[in-house]
Amino acid sequence: MVVIEVIIVLAIWFVSGHAISKIYFKAGFKDTPIFVFWIPALNLAFLFYLAFSEWPRFKGNM
């Protein structure tokens, strides 16, 4: 189960990073290094992971 969750988080990170970089490139940030876009994308992927993960429900049942 953990492997599937890691794959999903990495996929969300890649897709959101690509979308954020496209938005910034259209806004005119062409000289910005590409790794700068992956930092907010990692935050977004982590928030999506927390929204759909099972640990809040598991923690509540303890």
PDB file of N, CA and C in Angstrom:
ATOM      1  N   MET A   1       0.823  -1.196   0.000  1.00  0.00           N
ATOM      2  CA  MET A   1       0.000   0.000   0.000  1.00  0.00           C
ATOM      3  C   MET A   1       0.864   1.255   0.000  1.00  0.00           C
ATOM      4  N   VAL A   2       1.960   1.208   0.727  1.00  0.00           N
ATOM      5  CA  VAL A   2       2.836   2.376   0.802  1.00  0.00           C
ATOM      6  C   VAL A   2       3.460   2.667  -0.557  1.00  0.00           C
ATOM      7  N   VAL A   3       3.789   1.607  -1.293  1.00  0.00           N
ATOM      8  CA  VAL A   3       4.401   1.789  -2.613  1.00  0.00           C
ATOM      9  C   VAL A   3       3.434   2.499  -3.552  1.00  0.00           C
ATOM     10  N   ILE A   4       2.179   2.120  -3.499  1.00  0.00           N
ATOM     11  CA  ILE A   4       1.171   2.764  -4.343  1.00  0.00           C
ATOM     12  C   ILE A   4       1.009   4.227  -3.957  1.00  0.00           C
ATOM     13  N   GLU A   5       0.996   4.519  -2.666  1.00  0.00           N
ATOM     14  CA  GLU A   5       0.871   5.909  -2.218  1.00  0.00           C
ATOM     15  C   GLU A   5       2.068   6.740  -2.657  1.00  0.00           C
ATOM     16  N   VAL A   6       3.259   6.175  -2.597  1.00  0.00           N
ATOM     17  CA  VAL A   6       4.457   6.902  -3.027  1.00  0.00           C
ATOM     18  C   VAL A   6       4.399   7.175  -4.524  1.00  0.00           C
ATOM     19  N   ILE A   7       3.959   6.206  -5.300  1.00  0.00           N
ATOM     20  CA  ILE A   7       3.837   6.404  -6.747  1.00  0.00           C
ATOM     21  C   ILE A   7       2.817   7.489  -7.051  1.00  0.00           C
ATOM     22  N   ILE A   8       1.700   7.486  -6.345  1.00  0.00           N
ATOM     23  CA  ILE A   8       0.671   8.510  -6.562  1.00  0.00           C
ATOM     24  C   ILE A   8       1.199   9.892  -6.191  1.00  0.00           C
ATOM     25  N   VAL A   9       1.892  10.005  -5.069  1.00  0.00           N
ATOM     26  CA  VAL A   9       2.447  11.303  -4.653  1.00  0.00           C
ATOM     27  C   VAL A   9       3.474  11.794  -5.665  1.00  0.00           C
ATOM     28  N   LEU A  10       4.319  10.916  -6.160  1.00  0.00           N
ATOM     29  CA  LEU A  10       5.304  11.323  -7.168  1.00  0.00           C
ATOM     30  C   LEU A  10       4.626  11.759  -8.463  1.00  0.00           C
ATOM     31  N   ALA A  11       3.553  11.076  -8.848  1.00  0.00           N
ATOM     32  CA  ALA A  11       2.819  11.469 -10.050  1.00  0.00           C
ATOM     33  C   ALA A  11       2.166  12.835  -9.870  1.00  0.00           C
ATOM     34  N   ILE A  12       1.557  13.059  -8.716  1.00  0.00           N
ATOM     35  CA  ILE A  12       0.943  14.368  -8.447  1.00  0.00           C
ATOM     36  C   ILE A  12       2.010  15.450  -8.418  1.00  0.00           C
ATOM     37  N   TRP A  13       3.172  15.144  -7.835  1.00  0.00           N
ATOM     38  CA  TRP A  13       4.268  16.110  -7.781  1.00  0.00           C
ATOM     39  C   TRP A  13       4.730  16.472  -9.180  1.00  0.00           C
ATOM     40  N   PHE A  14       4.876  15.480 -10.049  1.00  0.00           N
ATOM     41  CA  PHE A  14       5.327  15.736 -11.412  1.00  0.00           C
ATOM     42  C   PHE A  14       4.303  16.557 -12.186  1.00  0.00           C
ATOM     43  N   VAL A  15       3.035  16.174 -12.105  1.00  0.00           N
ATOM     44  CA  VAL A  15       1.990  16.876 -12.854  1.00  0.00           C
ATOM     45  C   VAL A  15       1.820  18.303 -12.354  1.00  0.00           C
ATOM     46  N   SER A  16       1.789  18.500 -11.045  1.00  0.00           N
ATOM     47  CA  SER A  16       1.609  19.857 -10.521  1.00  0.00           C
ATOM     48  C   SER A  16       2.842  20.717 -10.785  1.00  0.00           C
ATOM     49  N   GLY A  17       4.026  20.139 -10.732  1.00  0.00           N
ATOM     50  CA  GLY A  17       5.237  20.897 -11.060  1.00  0.00           C
ATOM     51  C   GLY A  17       5.256  21.323 -12.506  1.00  0.00           C
ATOM     52  N   HIS A  18       4.810  20.434 -13.388  1.00  0.00           N
ATOM     53  CA  HIS A  18       4.744  20.784 -14.808  1.00  0.00           C
ATOM     54  C   HIS A  18       3.718  21.890 -15.039  1.00  0.00           C
ATOM     55  N   ALA A  19       2.566  21.807 -14.372  1.00  0.00           N
ATOM     56  CA  ALA A  19       1.530  22.831 -14.528  1.00  0.00           C
ATOM     57  C   ALA A  19       1.999  24.176 -13.980  1.00  0.00           C
ATOM     58  N   ILE A  20       2.656  24.166 -12.827  1.00  0.00           N
ATOM     59  CA  ILE A  20       3.153  25.419 -12.248  1.00  0.00           C
ATOM     60  C   ILE A  20       4.211  26.043 -13.150  1.00  0.00           C
ATOM     61  N   SER A  21       5.094  25.226 -13.716  1.00  0.00           N
ATOM     62  CA  SER A  21       6.128  25.775 -14.601  1.00  0.00           C
ATOM     63  C   SER A  21       5.517  26.347 -15.873  1.00  0.00           C
ATOM     64  N   LYS A  22       4.461  25.719 -16.413  1.00  0.00           N
ATOM     65  CA  LYS A  22       3.799  26.266 -17.599  1.00  0.00           C
ATOM     66  C   LYS A  22       3.171  27.623 -17.295  1.00  0.00           C
ATOM     67  N   ILE A  23       2.543  27.737 -16.128  1.00  0.00           N
ATOM     68  CA  ILE A  23       1.917  29.007 -15.747  1.00  0.00           C
ATOM     69  C   ILE A  23       2.967  30.104 -15.617  1.00  0.00           C
ATOM     70  N   TYR A  24       4.089  29.794 -14.964  1.00  0.00           N
ATOM     71  CA  TYR A  24       5.135  30.794 -14.788  1.00  0.00           C
ATOM     72  C   TYR A  24       5.794  31.161 -16.114  1.00  0.00           C
ATOM     73  N   PHE A  25       5.966  30.189 -17.014  1.00  0.00           N
ATOM     74  CA  PHE A  25       6.551  30.496 -18.315  1.00  0.00           C
ATOM     75  C   PHE A  25       5.628  31.399 -19.124  1.00  0.00           C
ATOM     76  N   LYS A  26       4.314  31.175 -19.042  1.00  0.00           N
ATOM     77  CA  LYS A  26       3.367  32.038 -19.744  1.00  0.00           C
ATOM     78  C   LYS A  26       3.335  33.433 -19.134  1.00  0.00           C
ATOM     79  N   ALA A  27       3.635  33.526 -17.838  1.00  0.00           N
ATOM     80  CA  ALA A  27       3.651  34.826 -17.163  1.00  0.00           C
ATOM     81  C   ALA A  27       4.938  35.600 -17.444  1.00  0.00           C
ATOM     82  N   GLY A  28       5.909  34.968 -18.079  1.00  0.00           N
ATOM     83  CA  GLY A  28       7.122  35.680 -18.456  1.00  0.00           C
ATOM     84  C   GLY A  28       8.354  35.349 -17.646  1.00  0.00           C
ATOM     85  N   PHE A  29       8.296  34.354 -16.788  1.00  0.00           N
ATOM     86  CA  PHE A  29       9.458  33.968 -15.988  1.00  0.00           C
ATOM     87  C   PHE A  29      10.292  32.935 -16.745  1.00  0.00           C
ATOM     88  N   LYS A  30      10.898  33.343 -17.840  1.00  0.00           N
ATOM     89  CA  LYS A  30      11.623  32.405 -18.702  1.00  0.00           C
ATOM     90  C   LYS A  30      13.040  32.134 -18.207  1.00  0.00           C
ATOM     91  N   ASP A  31      13.635  33.022 -17.429  1.00  0.00           N
ATOM     92  CA  ASP A  31      15.011  32.844 -16.964  1.00  0.00           C
ATOM     93  C   ASP A  31      15.096  32.175 -15.596  1.00  0.00           C
ATOM     94  N   THR A  32      13.967  31.799 -15.027  1.00  0.00           N
ATOM     95  CA  THR A  32      13.950  31.177 -13.706  1.00  0.00           C
ATOM     96  C   THR A  32      14.374  29.712 -13.825  1.00  0.00           C
ATOM     97  N   PRO A  33      15.254  29.234 -12.947  1.00  0.00           N
ATOM     98  CA  PRO A  33      15.646  27.813 -12.991  1.00  0.00           C
ATOM     99  C   PRO A  33      14.440  26.895 -12.769  1.00  0.00           C
ATOM    100  N   ILE A  34      14.434  25.779 -13.446  1.00  0.00           N
ATOM    101  CA  ILE A  34      13.272  24.890 -13.421  1.00  0.00           C
ATOM    102  C   ILE A  34      13.019  24.278 -12.044  1.00  0.00           C
ATOM    103  N   PHE A  35      14.064  24.087 -11.229  1.00  0.00           N
ATOM    104  CA  PHE A  35      13.854  23.445  -9.923  1.00  0.00           C
ATOM    105  C   PHE A  35      13.038  24.319  -8.980  1.00  0.00           C
ATOM    106  N   VAL A  36      12.958  25.613  -9.235  1.00  0.00           N
ATOM    107  CA  VAL A  36      12.184  26.515  -8.378  1.00  0.00           C
ATOM    108  C   VAL A  36      10.699  26.154  -8.424  1.00  0.00           C
ATOM    109  N   PHE A  37      10.229  25.628  -9.554  1.00  0.00           N
ATOM    110  CA  PHE A  37       8.815  25.296  -9.689  1.00  0.00           C
ATOM    111  C   PHE A  37       8.452  24.007  -8.967  1.00  0.00           C
ATOM    112  N   TRP A  38       9.433  23.173  -8.696  1.00  0.00           N
ATOM    113  CA  TRP A  38       9.131  21.885  -8.086  1.00  0.00           C
ATOM    114  C   TRP A  38       8.964  21.994  -6.575  1.00  0.00           C
ATOM    115  N   ILE A  39       9.442  23.065  -5.965  1.00  0.00           N
ATOM    116  CA  ILE A  39       9.289  23.232  -4.515  1.00  0.00           C
ATOM    117  C   ILE A  39       7.820  23.461  -4.135  1.00  0.00           C
ATOM    118  N   PRO A  40       7.097  24.429  -4.758  1.00  0.00           N
ATOM    119  CA  PRO A  40       5.671  24.547  -4.426  1.00  0.00           C
ATOM    120  C   PRO A  40       4.866  23.343  -4.895  1.00  0.00           C
ATOM    121  N   ALA A  41       5.331  22.675  -5.943  1.00  0.00           N
ATOM    122  CA  ALA A  41       4.625  21.481  -6.407  1.00  0.00           C
ATOM    123  C   ALA A  41       4.733  20.355  -5.388  1.00  0.00           C
ATOM    124  N   LEU A  42       5.859  20.255  -4.713  1.00  0.00           N
ATOM    125  CA  LEU A  42       6.013  19.240  -3.672  1.00  0.00           C
ATOM    126  C   LEU A  42       5.065  19.526  -2.511  1.00  0.00           C
ATOM    127  N   ASN A  43       4.920  20.791  -2.166  1.00  0.00           N
ATOM    128  CA  ASN A  43       3.981  21.178  -1.115  1.00  0.00           C
ATOM    129  C   ASN A  43       2.552  20.821  -1.522  1.00  0.00           C
ATOM    130  N   LEU A  44       2.201  21.101  -2.766  1.00  0.00           N
ATOM    131  CA  LEU A  44       0.858  20.785  -3.256  1.00  0.00           C
ATOM    132  C   LEU A  44       0.615  19.278  -3.265  1.00  0.00           C
ATOM    133  N   ALA A  45       1.607  18.505  -3.690  1.00  0.00           N
ATOM    134  CA  ALA A  45       1.460  17.049  -3.695  1.00  0.00           C
ATOM    135  C   ALA A  45       1.300  16.514  -2.273  1.00  0.00           C
ATOM    136  N   PHE A  46       2.037  17.073  -1.330  1.00  0.00           N
ATOM    137  CA  PHE A  46       1.918  16.628   0.059  1.00  0.00           C
ATOM    138  C   PHE A  46       0.539  16.957   0.626  1.00  0.00           C
ATOM    139  N   LEU A  47      -0.001  18.127   0.272  1.00  0.00           N
ATOM    140  CA  LEU A  47      -1.343  18.481   0.749  1.00  0.00           C
ATOM    141  C   LEU A  47      -2.404  17.559   0.162  1.00  0.00           C
ATOM    142  N   PHE A  48      -2.269  17.218  -1.128  1.00  0.00           N
ATOM    143  CA  PHE A  48      -3.192  16.254  -1.727  1.00  0.00           C
ATOM    144  C   PHE A  48      -3.072  14.890  -1.057  1.00  0.00           C
ATOM    145  N   TYR A  49      -1.849  14.506  -0.756  1.00  0.00           N
ATOM    146  CA  TYR A  49      -1.639  13.223  -0.081  1.00  0.00           C
ATOM    147  C   TYR A  49      -2.324  13.215   1.290  1.00  0.00           C
ATOM    148  N   LEU A  50      -2.171  14.290   2.037  1.00  0.00           N
ATOM    149  CA  LEU A  50      -2.811  14.357   3.352  1.00  0.00           C
ATOM    150  C   LEU A  50      -4.332  14.380   3.243  1.00  0.00           C
ATOM    151  N   ALA A  51      -4.841  14.999   2.186  1.00  0.00           N
ATOM    152  CA  ALA A  51      -6.290  15.083   2.027  1.00  0.00           C
ATOM    153  C   ALA A  51      -6.918  13.718   1.768  1.00  0.00           C
ATOM    154  N   PHE A  52      -6.200  12.846   1.077  1.00  0.00           N
ATOM    155  CA  PHE A  52      -6.782  11.566   0.688  1.00  0.00           C
ATOM    156  C   PHE A  52      -6.150  10.358   1.367  1.00  0.00           C
ATOM    157  N   SER A  53      -5.256  10.578   2.306  1.00  0.00           N
ATOM    158  CA  SER A  53      -4.626   9.439   2.976  1.00  0.00           C
ATOM    159  C   SER A  53      -5.539   8.906   4.074  1.00  0.00           C
ATOM    160  N   GLU A  54      -5.171   7.762   4.594  1.00  0.00           N
ATOM    161  CA  GLU A  54      -6.009   7.111   5.600  1.00  0.00           C
ATOM    162  C   GLU A  54      -5.581   7.406   7.029  1.00  0.00           C
ATOM    163  N   TRP A  55      -4.451   8.076   7.239  1.00  0.00           N
ATOM    164  CA  TRP A  55      -3.980   8.229   8.616  1.00  0.00           C
ATOM    165  C   TRP A  55      -4.876   9.088   9.498  1.00  0.00           C
ATOM    166  N   PRO A  56      -5.602  10.111   8.988  1.00  0.00           N
ATOM    167  CA  PRO A  56      -6.490  10.828   9.929  1.00  0.00           C
ATOM    168  C   PRO A  56      -7.614   9.928  10.445  1.00  0.00           C
ATOM    169  N   ARG A  57      -8.157   9.077   9.587  1.00  0.00           N
ATOM    170  CA  ARG A  57      -9.221   8.175  10.030  1.00  0.00           C
ATOM    171  C   ARG A  57      -8.669   7.112  10.963  1.00  0.00           C
ATOM    172  N   PHE A  58      -7.470   6.630  10.652  1.00  0.00           N
ATOM    173  CA  PHE A  58      -6.835   5.621  11.500  1.00  0.00           C
ATOM    174  C   PHE A  58      -6.514   6.203  12.869  1.00  0.00           C
ATOM    175  N   LYS A  59      -6.029   7.428  12.892  1.00  0.00           N
ATOM    176  CA  LYS A  59      -5.676   8.060  14.159  1.00  0.00           C
ATOM    177  C   LYS A  59      -6.925   8.309  15.005  1.00  0.00           C
ATOM    178  N   GLY A  60      -8.036   8.616  14.358  1.00  0.00           N
ATOM    179  CA  GLY A  60      -9.267   8.858  15.090  1.00  0.00           C
ATOM    180  C   GLY A  60      -9.854   7.602  15.700  1.00  0.00           C
ATOM    181  N   ASN A  61      -9.557   6.448  15.127  1.00  0.00           N
ATOM    182  CA  ASN A  61     -10.093   5.184  15.637  1.00  0.00           C
ATOM    183  C   ASN A  61      -9.289   4.639  16.805  1.00  0.00           C
ATOM    184  N   MET A  62      -8.159   5.218  17.127  1.00  0.00           N
ATOM    185  CA  MET A  62      -7.310   4.690  18.194  1.00  0.00           C
ATOM    186  C   MET A  62      -7.873   4.999  19.548  1.00  0.00           C
TER     187      MET A  62
END
